[in-house]
Protein backbone atom coordinates (compact mmCIF):
# COMPACT_ATOMS: atom_id res chain seq x y z
CA MET A 1 7.80 20.98 10.61
CA PRO A 2 8.90 24.41 12.26
CA GLU A 3 12.43 24.44 12.25
CA ARG A 4 14.34 25.08 15.60
CA ALA A 5 17.72 24.86 16.55
CA PHE A 6 18.98 21.85 18.39
CA TRP A 7 21.40 24.05 20.78
CA THR A 8 21.98 27.94 20.54
CA PRO A 9 24.65 30.21 22.44
CA LEU A 10 23.72 31.89 25.63
CA ARG A 11 22.34 35.57 25.18
CA PRO A 12 23.38 38.17 27.71
CA GLU A 13 20.70 37.78 30.12
CA GLN A 14 21.37 33.76 30.50
CA ILE A 15 24.79 34.48 30.47
CA PHE A 16 24.31 36.63 33.86
CA VAL A 17 21.80 34.08 35.17
CA ARG A 18 23.56 31.37 34.89
CA LEU A 19 27.36 32.30 35.57
CA GLN A 20 27.83 35.67 36.69
CA LEU A 21 24.71 35.70 39.58
CA PRO A 22 26.14 32.73 41.35
CA PHE A 23 29.40 34.25 41.56
CA LEU A 24 28.15 37.53 42.37
CA VAL A 25 25.86 36.23 45.18
CA GLY A 26 28.81 33.90 46.88
CA VAL A 27 31.10 36.66 46.52
CA ALA A 28 28.62 38.68 48.50
CA VAL A 29 27.83 36.11 51.05
CA VAL A 30 31.63 35.29 51.69
CA SER A 31 32.71 38.59 52.06
CA THR A 32 29.64 39.77 54.20
CA ALA A 33 30.13 37.02 56.77
CA THR A 34 33.60 37.49 56.91
CA MET A 35 33.55 40.92 57.61
CA LEU A 36 31.05 40.81 60.29
CA ALA A 37 32.79 38.06 61.76
CA VAL A 38 36.25 40.31 61.33
CA PRO A 39 35.17 43.76 61.95
CA GLU A 40 38.54 45.33 60.92
CA LEU A 41 38.11 43.65 57.31
CA PHE A 42 35.95 46.90 56.72
CA HIS A 43 39.16 48.40 56.28
CA SER A 44 41.04 46.09 53.91
CA LEU A 45 41.74 48.01 50.93
CA VAL A 46 42.33 45.13 48.93
CA LEU A 47 39.07 43.40 49.35
CA TRP A 48 37.06 46.60 48.27
CA MET A 49 39.42 46.62 45.36
CA GLY A 50 37.89 42.64 44.87
CA LEU A 51 34.59 43.58 45.55
CA ALA A 52 34.32 46.22 43.30
CA ALA A 53 36.08 44.46 40.56
CA VAL A 54 32.80 42.02 40.59
CA ILE A 55 30.43 44.78 40.91
CA ILE A 56 32.05 46.36 37.94
CA ALA A 57 32.00 43.29 36.00
CA SER A 58 27.94 42.36 37.20
CA GLY A 59 27.21 46.35 35.72
CA LEU A 60 28.66 45.41 32.46
CA PHE A 61 25.40 43.86 31.71
CA LEU A 62 23.48 47.06 32.46
CA LEU A 63 24.88 48.54 29.43
CA PRO A 64 21.77 48.80 26.46
CA GLU A 65 24.34 47.46 23.99
CA LYS A 66 25.46 43.81 24.51
CA ARG A 67 26.07 42.42 21.38
CA TRP A 68 29.88 42.25 22.08
CA MET A 69 28.94 39.83 25.01
CA MET A 70 27.95 37.20 21.56
CA THR A 71 31.64 37.53 20.90
CA ALA A 72 35.51 36.77 22.31
CA TRP A 73 34.93 40.01 24.14
CA VAL A 74 33.19 38.46 27.03
CA VAL A 75 36.36 37.40 28.59
CA VAL A 76 36.69 40.76 30.19
CA ILE A 77 34.04 39.84 32.55
CA PRO A 78 35.84 36.51 34.17
CA LEU A 79 38.73 38.25 34.16
CA LEU A 80 37.12 40.73 36.21
CA ASP A 81 35.82 37.72 38.22
CA VAL A 82 39.47 36.32 38.72
CA VAL A 83 40.97 39.94 39.66
CA CYS A 84 37.85 39.98 42.39
CA ILE A 85 38.95 36.25 43.70
CA ALA A 86 42.36 37.93 43.41
CA GLY A 87 41.67 40.68 46.10
CA VAL A 88 39.31 38.74 48.50
CA ARG A 89 41.26 35.83 48.91
CA THR A 90 44.03 37.83 49.66
CA ALA A 91 42.00 39.90 52.48
CA LEU A 92 39.78 36.74 53.67
CA LEU A 93 43.02 33.70 53.55
CA PRO A 94 44.05 34.30 57.18
CA PHE A 95 40.15 33.63 58.48
CA LEU A 96 38.88 31.44 55.60
CA PRO A 97 41.43 29.76 53.30
CA SER A 98 38.65 27.85 51.45
CA VAL A 99 37.78 31.16 49.87
CA GLY A 100 39.68 30.37 46.50
CA MET A 101 37.30 27.57 45.62
CA LEU A 102 34.84 30.70 44.25
CA CYS A 103 37.61 30.91 41.53
CA LEU A 104 36.12 27.35 39.99
CA LEU A 105 33.07 29.68 38.58
CA PRO A 106 34.78 32.01 36.51
CA PHE A 107 37.59 29.30 35.62
CA ALA A 108 35.11 27.28 34.49
CA TRP A 109 33.50 29.72 32.10
CA ILE A 110 36.90 30.59 30.75
CA ALA A 111 37.77 26.89 29.91
CA TYR A 112 34.58 26.32 28.88
CA ARG A 113 34.15 29.34 26.02
CA PHE A 114 37.89 29.71 25.33
CA ARG A 115 39.24 25.94 24.86
CA ARG A 116 42.64 25.92 24.71
CA LEU A 117 43.40 29.42 25.20
CA GLY A 118 41.26 29.65 28.00
CA LEU A 119 43.60 26.85 29.78
CA THR A 120 46.35 29.07 29.38
CA MET A 121 44.58 31.63 31.27
CA VAL A 122 43.08 30.26 33.85
CA LEU A 123 46.91 28.83 34.61
CA VAL A 124 48.20 32.46 34.63
CA SER A 125 44.93 33.51 36.45
CA GLY A 126 45.66 30.66 39.02
CA ILE A 127 49.41 31.58 39.58
CA LEU A 128 48.40 35.28 40.20
CA ILE A 129 45.38 34.81 43.23
CA ALA A 130 47.84 32.24 44.50
CA ALA A 131 50.91 34.53 44.61
CA LEU A 132 49.35 38.07 44.98
CA PRO A 133 49.56 37.38 49.25
CA PHE A 134 52.91 36.60 49.03
CA ALA A 135 53.53 39.59 46.26
CA LEU A 136 52.16 41.91 48.69
CA GLY A 137 54.34 40.97 51.62
CA THR A 138 51.62 39.44 53.99
CA ARG A 139 53.39 35.82 53.41
CA PRO A 140 56.64 35.36 52.54
CA VAL A 141 57.80 32.26 50.50
CA THR A 142 60.41 30.63 52.43
CA THR A 143 59.59 27.46 52.70
CA LEU A 144 58.65 24.23 50.50
CA LEU A 145 55.34 24.41 51.71
CA ALA A 146 54.84 28.09 51.01
CA ILE A 147 55.80 27.02 47.39
CA VAL A 148 53.20 24.42 47.14
CA ASN A 149 51.06 27.25 48.43
CA VAL A 150 51.36 29.17 45.69
CA LEU A 151 51.45 26.31 42.90
CA ALA A 152 48.84 24.01 44.52
CA LEU A 153 45.87 26.58 43.83
CA PRO A 154 46.65 27.18 39.90
CA PHE A 155 47.40 23.32 39.09
CA ILE A 156 44.49 22.28 40.84
CA ALA A 157 42.23 24.58 39.33
CA THR A 158 43.67 24.01 35.81
CA GLY A 159 43.18 20.42 36.39
CA ILE A 160 39.68 20.79 37.04
CA SER A 161 39.38 23.33 34.08
CA LEU A 162 40.73 20.84 31.58
CA ALA A 163 38.60 18.29 33.01
CA ILE A 164 35.23 20.62 31.85
CA HIS A 165 37.22 21.20 28.40
CA LEU A 166 37.85 17.82 27.48
CA GLY A 167 33.83 17.32 28.52
CA ALA A 168 32.88 20.52 26.74
CA ARG A 169 34.94 19.18 23.43
CA SER A 170 32.98 15.80 24.23
CA PHE A 171 29.28 17.91 24.45
CA GLU A 172 30.24 19.63 21.12
CA LYS A 173 30.89 16.28 19.22
CA ARG A 174 27.69 14.41 20.40
CA ARG A 175 25.78 17.87 19.57
CA ALA A 176 26.86 17.93 16.08
CA ILE A 177 26.13 14.43 15.93
CA ALA A 178 22.95 14.88 17.56
CA GLU A 179 22.07 18.20 15.37
CA GLU A 180 22.89 16.11 12.22
CA ALA A 181 20.59 13.07 13.42
CA THR A 182 17.87 15.96 14.17
CA LYS A 183 18.37 17.12 10.64
CA ALA A 184 18.25 14.12 8.98
CA LEU A 185 14.90 13.13 11.01
CA ARG A 186 13.60 16.59 10.07
CA CYS A 187 14.21 15.92 6.63
CA ALA A 188 12.44 12.57 6.82
CA LEU A 189 9.44 13.67 8.68
CA ASN A 190 9.17 16.67 5.84
CA GLU A 191 9.30 13.58 3.05
CA SER A 192 6.92 11.81 4.65
CA HIS A 193 4.60 14.95 5.46
CA GLU A 194 4.87 15.50 1.69
CA THR A 195 4.34 11.80 1.01
CA GLN A 196 1.13 11.83 3.36
CA LEU A 197 -0.43 14.90 1.36
CA LEU A 198 0.77 13.50 -1.75
CA LEU A 199 -1.15 10.07 -1.31
CA ARG A 200 -4.16 11.91 0.51
CA SER A 201 -4.28 14.07 -3.10
CA VAL A 202 -3.81 10.76 -5.58
CA LEU A 203 -6.43 9.02 -3.23
CA ASP A 204 -9.17 12.28 -3.16
CA THR A 205 -8.29 12.36 -6.97
CA VAL A 206 -9.07 8.56 -8.33
CA THR A 207 -12.53 8.03 -8.93
CA GLY A 208 -12.66 4.72 -7.25
CA ALA A 209 -13.22 4.15 -3.30
CA VAL A 210 -9.85 3.10 -1.21
CA ALA A 211 -9.50 2.35 1.96
CA TYR A 212 -6.38 0.98 4.51
CA TYR A 213 -6.39 -0.54 7.52
CA ASN A 214 -3.25 -1.45 9.85
CA ALA A 215 -2.55 -4.86 12.22
CA ARG A 216 -4.96 -4.39 14.32
CA ASP A 217 -8.35 -3.57 12.12
CA GLU A 218 -7.79 -0.04 12.34
CA LEU A 219 -9.11 2.30 9.93
CA VAL A 220 -5.82 4.32 8.86
CA LEU A 221 -6.89 6.10 5.70
CA ALA A 222 -9.83 6.28 3.31
CA ASN A 223 -10.86 8.64 0.53
CA ALA A 224 -13.77 10.53 0.49
CA THR A 225 -15.41 8.13 -1.98
CA ALA A 226 -15.26 5.32 0.29
CA GLU A 227 -16.91 7.51 2.65
CA ARG A 228 -19.74 8.23 0.46
CA MET A 229 -20.07 4.54 -0.71
CA VAL A 230 -20.54 3.40 2.82
CA ASP A 231 -22.84 6.42 3.73
CA VAL A 232 -25.40 4.45 1.33
CA VAL A 233 -25.25 1.45 3.43
CA GLY A 234 -25.35 3.27 6.44
CA PHE A 235 -21.83 2.50 8.48
CA ARG A 236 -18.76 4.01 9.12
CA LEU A 237 -15.39 2.92 7.95
CA ASP A 238 -14.04 3.20 11.30
CA VAL A 239 -16.40 1.60 13.79
CA PRO A 240 -16.86 -2.05 13.57
CA PRO A 241 -18.44 -4.29 12.21
CA PHE A 242 -17.61 -2.56 8.88
CA ALA A 243 -20.72 -3.76 7.57
CA GLY A 244 -24.32 -2.71 7.19
CA PRO A 245 -27.74 -4.08 6.40
CA ASP A 246 -28.70 -3.23 2.95
CA VAL A 247 -26.21 -4.98 0.56
CA LEU A 248 -27.57 -7.24 -1.65
CA ALA A 249 -25.24 -10.39 -3.84
CA ALA A 250 -24.94 -9.93 -7.79
CA ASP A 251 -28.11 -11.32 -8.16
CA ARG A 252 -29.63 -8.53 -6.69
CA LYS A 253 -31.75 -10.22 -4.66
CA THR A 254 -29.75 -12.52 -1.93
CA ALA A 255 -29.41 -10.51 1.04
CA VAL A 256 -25.64 -10.64 2.03
CA PRO A 257 -24.96 -11.08 6.27
CA LEU A 258 -22.90 -8.43 7.60
CA ASP A 259 -19.60 -11.04 8.30
CA GLN A 260 -19.76 -12.19 4.48
CA GLN A 261 -19.33 -8.42 3.35
CA ILE A 262 -16.35 -7.02 1.53
CA ILE A 263 -14.23 -5.31 4.54
CA PRO A 264 -15.00 -8.13 7.47
CA ARG A 265 -13.72 -10.30 4.55
CA ALA A 266 -10.86 -8.62 3.61
CA LEU A 267 -9.85 -7.91 7.41
CA ARG A 268 -10.06 -11.64 8.31
CA GLY A 269 -7.55 -12.31 5.19
CA GLU A 270 -9.69 -13.15 2.54
CA VAL A 271 -8.27 -12.15 -1.03
CA ILE A 272 -11.13 -10.49 -2.92
CA ALA A 273 -10.85 -10.09 -6.55
CA SER A 274 -13.32 -8.59 -8.73
CA HIS A 275 -16.44 -9.08 -6.42
CA MET A 276 -19.74 -7.18 -6.94
CA GLU A 277 -22.43 -6.48 -4.34
CA TRP A 278 -25.38 -4.05 -4.54
CA LEU A 279 -25.57 -1.45 -1.72
CA GLY A 280 -28.18 0.90 -0.71
CA ARG A 281 -31.85 0.34 -0.30
CA PRO A 282 -34.61 -0.60 -3.25
CA GLY A 283 -35.23 2.35 -5.35
CA ASP A 284 -31.50 4.09 -4.48
CA GLN A 285 -28.84 1.39 -5.16
CA ILE A 286 -25.73 1.29 -6.42
CA ALA A 287 -23.41 -1.63 -7.95
CA ILE A 288 -19.47 -1.50 -6.68
CA LEU A 289 -16.79 -4.18 -7.95
CA ALA A 290 -14.46 -4.73 -4.80
CA SER A 291 -10.93 -6.51 -4.26
CA SER A 292 -8.69 -6.37 -1.57
CA ARG A 293 -4.97 -7.26 -0.47
CA ARG A 294 -3.50 -8.00 2.47
CA VAL A 295 0.11 -6.15 2.86
CA HIS A 296 3.20 -7.75 4.61
CA ARG A 297 6.48 -6.43 5.52
CA GLU A 298 9.80 -7.67 4.39
CA ASP A 299 10.05 -10.23 7.06
CA GLY A 300 6.38 -11.60 6.51
CA THR A 301 4.89 -9.87 9.37
CA LEU A 302 1.07 -8.30 8.18
CA LEU A 303 1.33 -4.42 8.07
CA GLY A 304 -2.68 -3.97 6.97
CA THR A 305 -5.51 -4.38 4.46
CA VAL A 306 -6.19 -2.46 1.35
CA ILE A 307 -9.36 -2.21 0.17
CA ALA A 308 -10.44 -1.05 -3.06
CA ALA A 309 -14.35 -0.29 -4.76
CA TYR A 310 -15.46 0.98 -7.59
CA ASP A 311 -19.00 2.29 -8.50
CA VAL A 312 -20.13 0.20 -11.54
CA THR A 313 -23.90 0.76 -11.72
CA LYS A 314 -24.47 2.47 -14.97
CA LEU A 315 -22.45 -0.55 -16.64
CA ALA A 316 -24.83 -2.89 -14.25
CA ASN A 317 -27.66 -1.36 -15.47
CA ALA A 318 -26.60 -1.11 -19.11
CA ILE A 319 -25.80 -4.83 -18.85
CA GLU A 320 -29.26 -5.59 -17.03
CA VAL A 321 -30.84 -3.98 -20.10
CA ARG A 322 -29.28 -5.84 -22.18
CA GLU A 323 -29.52 -8.98 -20.98
CA GLU A 324 -33.52 -8.03 -21.04
CA PHE A 325 -33.16 -7.05 -24.59
CA LEU A 326 -31.52 -10.46 -25.74
CA THR A 327 -33.87 -12.29 -23.87
CA SER A 328 -36.77 -10.39 -25.43
CA VAL A 329 -35.70 -10.35 -28.52
CA SER A 330 -34.49 -14.14 -28.52
CA HIS A 331 -38.07 -15.24 -27.67
CA GLU A 332 -39.76 -13.41 -29.89
CA LEU A 333 -37.85 -14.66 -33.05
CA ARG A 334 -38.09 -17.94 -31.58
CA THR A 335 -41.75 -18.40 -31.92
CA PRO A 336 -42.00 -17.12 -35.49
CA LEU A 337 -38.86 -19.45 -36.53
CA THR A 338 -40.22 -22.24 -34.97
CA SER A 339 -43.68 -21.75 -37.02
CA ILE A 340 -41.66 -21.21 -40.58
CA ILE A 341 -39.24 -24.79 -39.62
CA GLY A 342 -42.83 -26.42 -39.10
CA TYR A 343 -44.65 -25.19 -41.87
CA THR A 344 -41.77 -25.65 -44.09
CA GLU A 345 -41.26 -29.36 -42.92
CA GLU A 346 -45.33 -29.65 -43.06
CA ILE A 347 -44.67 -28.26 -47.16
CA VAL A 348 -42.17 -30.73 -47.64
CA ASP A 349 -44.23 -33.86 -46.69
CA VAL A 350 -47.46 -32.66 -48.29
CA LEU A 351 -45.55 -32.09 -51.77
CA GLY A 352 -43.12 -35.20 -51.32
CA GLU A 353 -41.96 -36.01 -54.77
CA ARG A 354 -44.08 -33.02 -56.69
CA ALA A 355 -41.88 -30.66 -55.00
CA GLN A 356 -39.16 -31.71 -57.12
CA ASP A 357 -41.17 -31.60 -60.24
CA LEU A 358 -42.56 -28.01 -59.36
CA GLY A 359 -38.99 -27.62 -59.00
CA ILE A 360 -38.92 -25.95 -55.69
CA ASP A 361 -37.30 -28.45 -53.66
CA THR A 362 -34.04 -27.08 -53.42
CA TRP A 363 -35.69 -23.77 -52.00
CA LEU A 364 -37.89 -25.49 -49.64
CA ALA A 365 -34.11 -27.14 -48.43
CA THR A 366 -32.41 -23.92 -48.46
CA ILE A 367 -35.33 -22.59 -46.52
CA GLU A 368 -35.23 -25.09 -43.92
CA ARG A 369 -31.47 -25.31 -43.55
CA ASN A 370 -31.33 -21.10 -42.76
CA ALA A 371 -34.28 -21.66 -40.37
CA GLU A 372 -32.38 -24.13 -38.24
CA THR A 373 -28.89 -22.11 -38.45
CA LEU A 374 -31.33 -19.12 -37.65
CA MET A 375 -32.90 -21.21 -34.60
CA LYS A 376 -29.30 -22.10 -33.78
CA ARG A 377 -28.49 -18.71 -33.48
CA VAL A 378 -31.29 -17.74 -31.52
CA ASN A 379 -30.67 -20.63 -28.70
CA GLU A 380 -26.64 -19.31 -28.27
CA LEU A 381 -28.64 -16.11 -27.29
CA LEU A 382 -30.99 -17.09 -25.19
CA HIS A 383 -28.19 -19.39 -23.33
CA VAL A 384 -25.82 -16.14 -22.95
CA ALA A 385 -28.66 -14.21 -21.73
CA ASP A 386 -29.87 -16.86 -19.44
CA ALA A 387 -28.63 -15.56 -15.88
CA GLU A 388 -28.68 -18.90 -14.17
CA LEU A 389 -27.17 -22.05 -15.47
CA VAL A 390 -28.05 -25.45 -13.56
CA LEU A 391 -26.43 -28.07 -13.58
CA GLU A 392 -27.57 -31.91 -13.87
CA ARG A 393 -24.64 -33.52 -12.77
CA ARG A 394 -24.26 -36.99 -12.97
CA PRO A 395 -21.54 -39.76 -12.64
CA THR A 396 -20.15 -39.46 -16.66
CA ASP A 397 -17.45 -41.41 -18.81
CA VAL A 398 -15.90 -37.72 -20.17
CA GLY A 399 -14.46 -39.75 -22.83
CA ASP A 400 -18.10 -41.03 -24.29
CA VAL A 401 -18.98 -37.17 -24.46
CA LEU A 402 -16.00 -36.36 -26.39
CA ARG A 403 -16.61 -39.10 -28.73
CA LEU A 404 -20.22 -38.11 -29.20
CA ALA A 405 -19.39 -34.56 -29.43
CA VAL A 406 -16.45 -34.68 -31.82
CA GLU A 407 -18.53 -37.45 -34.23
CA GLN A 408 -20.65 -35.16 -35.85
CA PHE A 409 -17.91 -33.11 -37.11
CA THR A 410 -16.14 -35.97 -38.82
CA VAL A 411 -18.08 -35.48 -42.16
CA VAL A 412 -17.27 -31.80 -42.16
CA ALA A 413 -13.93 -32.37 -41.45
CA GLU A 414 -13.15 -34.85 -44.35
CA ARG A 415 -15.39 -32.27 -46.46
CA THR A 416 -12.94 -29.36 -45.76
CA GLY A 417 -9.91 -31.46 -45.87
CA ILE A 418 -8.86 -31.21 -42.10
CA THR A 419 -7.68 -34.06 -40.03
CA LEU A 420 -9.42 -34.55 -36.60
CA ASP A 421 -7.70 -36.42 -34.42
CA ALA A 422 -9.58 -37.02 -31.66
CA ARG A 423 -8.53 -39.39 -28.63
CA ALA A 424 -9.35 -40.23 -25.21
CA GLY A 425 -7.36 -42.11 -22.08
CA ALA A 426 -8.58 -44.22 -19.27
CA ASP A 427 -10.24 -43.73 -16.27
CA LEU A 428 -12.27 -40.67 -17.18
CA SER A 429 -15.26 -40.86 -14.69
CA ALA A 430 -16.58 -37.65 -13.10
CA GLU A 431 -19.54 -35.85 -11.86
CA VAL A 432 -20.34 -33.59 -14.78
CA ASP A 433 -23.28 -32.19 -17.04
CA PRO A 434 -23.00 -34.73 -19.99
CA ARG A 435 -25.24 -32.26 -22.24
CA ARG A 436 -23.51 -29.03 -21.16
CA LEU A 437 -19.69 -29.87 -21.07
CA GLY A 438 -21.05 -32.03 -24.46
CA GLN A 439 -21.96 -28.61 -25.52
CA ALA A 440 -18.75 -26.82 -24.65
CA ILE A 441 -16.86 -29.77 -26.59
CA GLU A 442 -18.98 -28.98 -29.65
CA ASN A 443 -18.01 -25.13 -29.65
CA LEU A 444 -14.55 -26.05 -28.96
CA VAL A 445 -14.28 -28.20 -31.60
CA GLY A 446 -16.22 -26.29 -34.36
CA ASN A 447 -14.64 -23.05 -33.40
CA ALA A 448 -11.69 -24.87 -34.30
CA LEU A 449 -12.37 -26.39 -37.67
CA LYS A 450 -14.18 -22.88 -38.32
CA PHE A 451 -10.76 -21.26 -38.28
CA THR A 452 -8.28 -23.95 -39.73
CA GLY A 453 -8.04 -24.25 -43.33
CA ARG A 454 -7.78 -26.84 -45.57
CA GLY A 455 -4.55 -29.01 -45.04
CA GLY A 456 -4.54 -28.43 -41.30
CA THR A 457 -5.12 -30.54 -38.03
CA VAL A 458 -7.48 -30.46 -35.18
CA THR A 459 -6.01 -32.65 -32.39
CA VAL A 460 -8.77 -33.26 -29.13
CA ARG A 461 -7.33 -35.01 -26.69
CA VAL A 462 -8.85 -35.56 -22.55
CA GLU A 463 -6.95 -37.71 -20.05
CA ARG A 464 -6.89 -37.30 -16.42
CA GLN A 465 -4.07 -35.69 -14.46
CA ASP A 466 -3.34 -35.60 -10.87
CA GLY A 467 -5.99 -38.01 -9.80
CA ASP A 468 -8.55 -35.29 -9.55
CA THR A 469 -8.58 -33.87 -12.39
CA ILE A 470 -9.88 -34.00 -16.23
CA CYS A 471 -7.77 -32.36 -18.48
CA ILE A 472 -9.39 -31.97 -22.30
CA SER A 473 -7.43 -30.04 -25.21
CA VAL A 474 -8.68 -29.23 -28.18
CA ALA A 475 -5.38 -27.78 -30.89
CA ASP A 476 -5.74 -26.64 -34.26
CA THR A 477 -3.27 -25.33 -36.79
CA GLY A 478 -4.94 -22.57 -37.97
CA ILE A 479 -5.00 -18.73 -38.37
CA GLY A 480 -3.79 -18.03 -34.45
CA MET A 481 -4.50 -14.86 -32.53
CA THR A 482 -2.78 -11.72 -31.52
CA PRO A 483 -2.45 -11.15 -27.75
CA ASP A 484 -4.90 -8.39 -28.18
CA GLU A 485 -7.74 -10.69 -29.70
CA GLN A 486 -6.63 -13.35 -26.72
CA ARG A 487 -7.49 -10.82 -23.81
CA ARG A 488 -11.11 -10.27 -25.40
CA ILE A 489 -11.59 -13.84 -26.87
CA PHE A 490 -13.92 -14.74 -24.18
CA ASP A 491 -16.00 -11.30 -24.03
CA ARG A 492 -19.77 -12.18 -25.43
CA PHE A 493 -20.38 -11.00 -28.75
CA TYR A 494 -16.52 -10.38 -29.52
CA ARG A 495 -15.45 -11.42 -33.04
CA ALA A 496 -11.69 -11.03 -33.76
CA GLN A 497 -10.51 -8.63 -36.60
CA ALA A 498 -9.44 -11.73 -39.20
CA VAL A 499 -13.01 -13.36 -38.73
CA ARG A 500 -14.86 -10.17 -39.73
CA GLU A 501 -12.34 -9.86 -43.16
CA ASN A 502 -12.95 -13.06 -43.93
CA ALA A 503 -16.71 -13.07 -43.40
CA ILE A 504 -16.68 -16.10 -40.99
CA GLN A 505 -20.13 -16.92 -40.28
CA GLY A 506 -20.99 -16.63 -35.86
CA ILE A 507 -22.06 -13.88 -33.55
CA GLY A 508 -18.96 -14.02 -31.36
CA VAL A 509 -20.56 -16.30 -28.06
CA GLY A 510 -19.17 -19.71 -28.42
CA LEU A 511 -16.15 -19.41 -26.30
CA SER A 512 -18.36 -16.96 -23.73
CA ILE A 513 -20.61 -20.44 -23.79
CA VAL A 514 -17.85 -22.95 -23.02
CA LYS A 515 -16.26 -20.47 -20.21
CA THR A 516 -19.75 -20.17 -18.45
CA ILE A 517 -19.95 -24.10 -18.71
CA VAL A 518 -16.49 -24.38 -17.50
CA ASP A 519 -16.83 -21.93 -14.59
CA ALA A 520 -20.19 -23.40 -13.67
CA HIS A 521 -18.14 -26.89 -13.18
CA GLY A 522 -15.83 -25.41 -10.91
CA GLY A 523 -13.24 -25.48 -13.62
CA GLU A 524 -10.45 -23.37 -15.20
CA ILE A 525 -9.94 -22.58 -19.14
CA THR A 526 -6.54 -21.37 -20.76
CA LEU A 527 -5.56 -20.16 -23.92
CA VAL A 528 -2.60 -19.88 -25.94
CA SER A 529 -2.61 -18.58 -29.51
CA ALA A 530 -0.07 -17.04 -32.13
CA PRO A 531 -0.85 -15.71 -34.91
CA GLY A 532 0.30 -17.79 -38.46
CA VAL A 533 0.36 -20.66 -36.10
CA GLY A 534 -2.68 -22.21 -34.23
CA THR A 535 -4.59 -22.13 -30.77
CA THR A 536 -4.84 -24.17 -28.24
CA VAL A 537 -7.63 -24.32 -25.95
CA ARG A 538 -7.05 -26.24 -22.73
CA VAL A 539 -10.05 -27.11 -20.20
CA GLU A 540 -9.46 -28.28 -16.97
CA LEU A 541 -12.43 -29.95 -14.63
CA PRO A 542 -12.47 -31.27 -11.11
CA VAL A 543 -13.67 -34.89 -10.81
CA ARG A 544 -15.86 -34.20 -8.09
CA PRO A 545 -17.59 -30.79 -7.66
CA ALA A 546 -16.67 -28.44 -4.35
CA VAL A 547 -20.08 -27.49 -3.98
CA ALA A 548 -23.81 -29.00 -4.17
CA PRO A 549 -24.20 -30.69 -7.60
CA SER A 550 -27.45 -29.23 -8.23
CA SER A 551 -26.50 -24.93 -7.19
CA ALA A 552 -27.77 -22.31 -8.87
CA LEU A 553 -24.30 -20.92 -9.96
CA ALA A 554 -25.38 -17.11 -11.34
CA ALA A 555 -22.20 -15.66 -10.59
CA ALA A 556 -20.77 -17.98 -13.58
CA THR A 557 -22.99 -16.26 -15.85
CA THR A 558 -22.45 -12.45 -14.23
CA PRO A 559 -20.39 -10.39 -16.50
CA TYR A 560 -18.93 -8.23 -13.68
């Protein structure tokens, strides 16, 4: 913001135009008119002396050097005007008594410019102007009325000048306050401008797209990344409906309606968290991960909406390649494994007791056991690679599902010296997929036993909470996890440091499968753990589904 003074002193040319010229014109008009009416005034020496004083005062403005007029020496000009008034009034008083009012112009100038000293000069000048006719003997001071005539003009002029002086002081105070306010406002505007430049630089520096809309759904700010991102779809950030035709859901198949796209949803007040969409036409698409949040003032009123999005095309393509690889490898492994298991069982059946006589019964049992273990791992990989999880919901007693899932671990717990305590509450009926839910509980209990040492305890509970929620908890006294490990524990193929060091079997997909199943049921899973203390996993499931029972939940298995 350019610097400009709120108030500046008058320059010499401004002084002449605003102060001296009106006085000069007034004196000239009054004197000329009166002289034309009274011709003998052409011979008045006092009148011409007064006119000469105003001409000299006005002529000073023609001097090439005028810097002195910006100092206290400028008082010479109004004092010459006072001399002018004294002479003109003395000459014209018998014919035009009101001519003395012209003294108000130089008096106001002196009172405003010189303050208290100026009031003294006004009083003395007023007395001289009023007393000059009497001093020259044209009007003797012999009566009280004559004395009043002498004193009236200086005191009236001084009173008016005092009012001007007080007004000037008040103006100076208000001017000082206004200048301070202007200075503060200028500083605030400069800071605001610098903040805006900084914000713009930050927005253009970050790799993500950022857009901000005010409470009237008008675009206020957007970086270049955001503008490039919407260009792929073919719409503008500042033109409704803020959406385009070439937008697909996370499955890269389902078209997203205009009113269900990210910006319209955000402007309606929806809170969007890590929502994925594909933008652009086939062959030239990008994947984005978007979030939005509304901004409110301290009093709760809406200020605007912030939308942020990141280009995750490379990550999405890499994950898609990984899923395809997992599916292909799993299917390729499953076929020969099925043959191995089948032929092994056939050999066992054919040989019967002869296998023991030949000393190969143990070998065949080992082949069969390891082949089944490998088949289990392949099935886990196929489950992880499955892009859709279709639930077969039906009214189910979750307590029965729990008992069936835990029952198969009883022998393992006894053999390893671990106490397995499982209990189910009452009224546990819910609309769930019993097979998938049983699979989730099996993974949780299996993990708890796997990471709990001899003498430890695994506690499994299921109970109804708040009337419409089933809570399943699995707690162990095992090795526990660090905070860093807890943040990644639901990631596919993640195995903690302690697991790798202790060579505990597994491929790191158990809890990922559990979370996928829980999410598909519309539930929540939480985990609390501490190293050396143990781990508690808590699953909360709604008694009734919030969506159609057999809907395909692709988003539940989308890793974005």
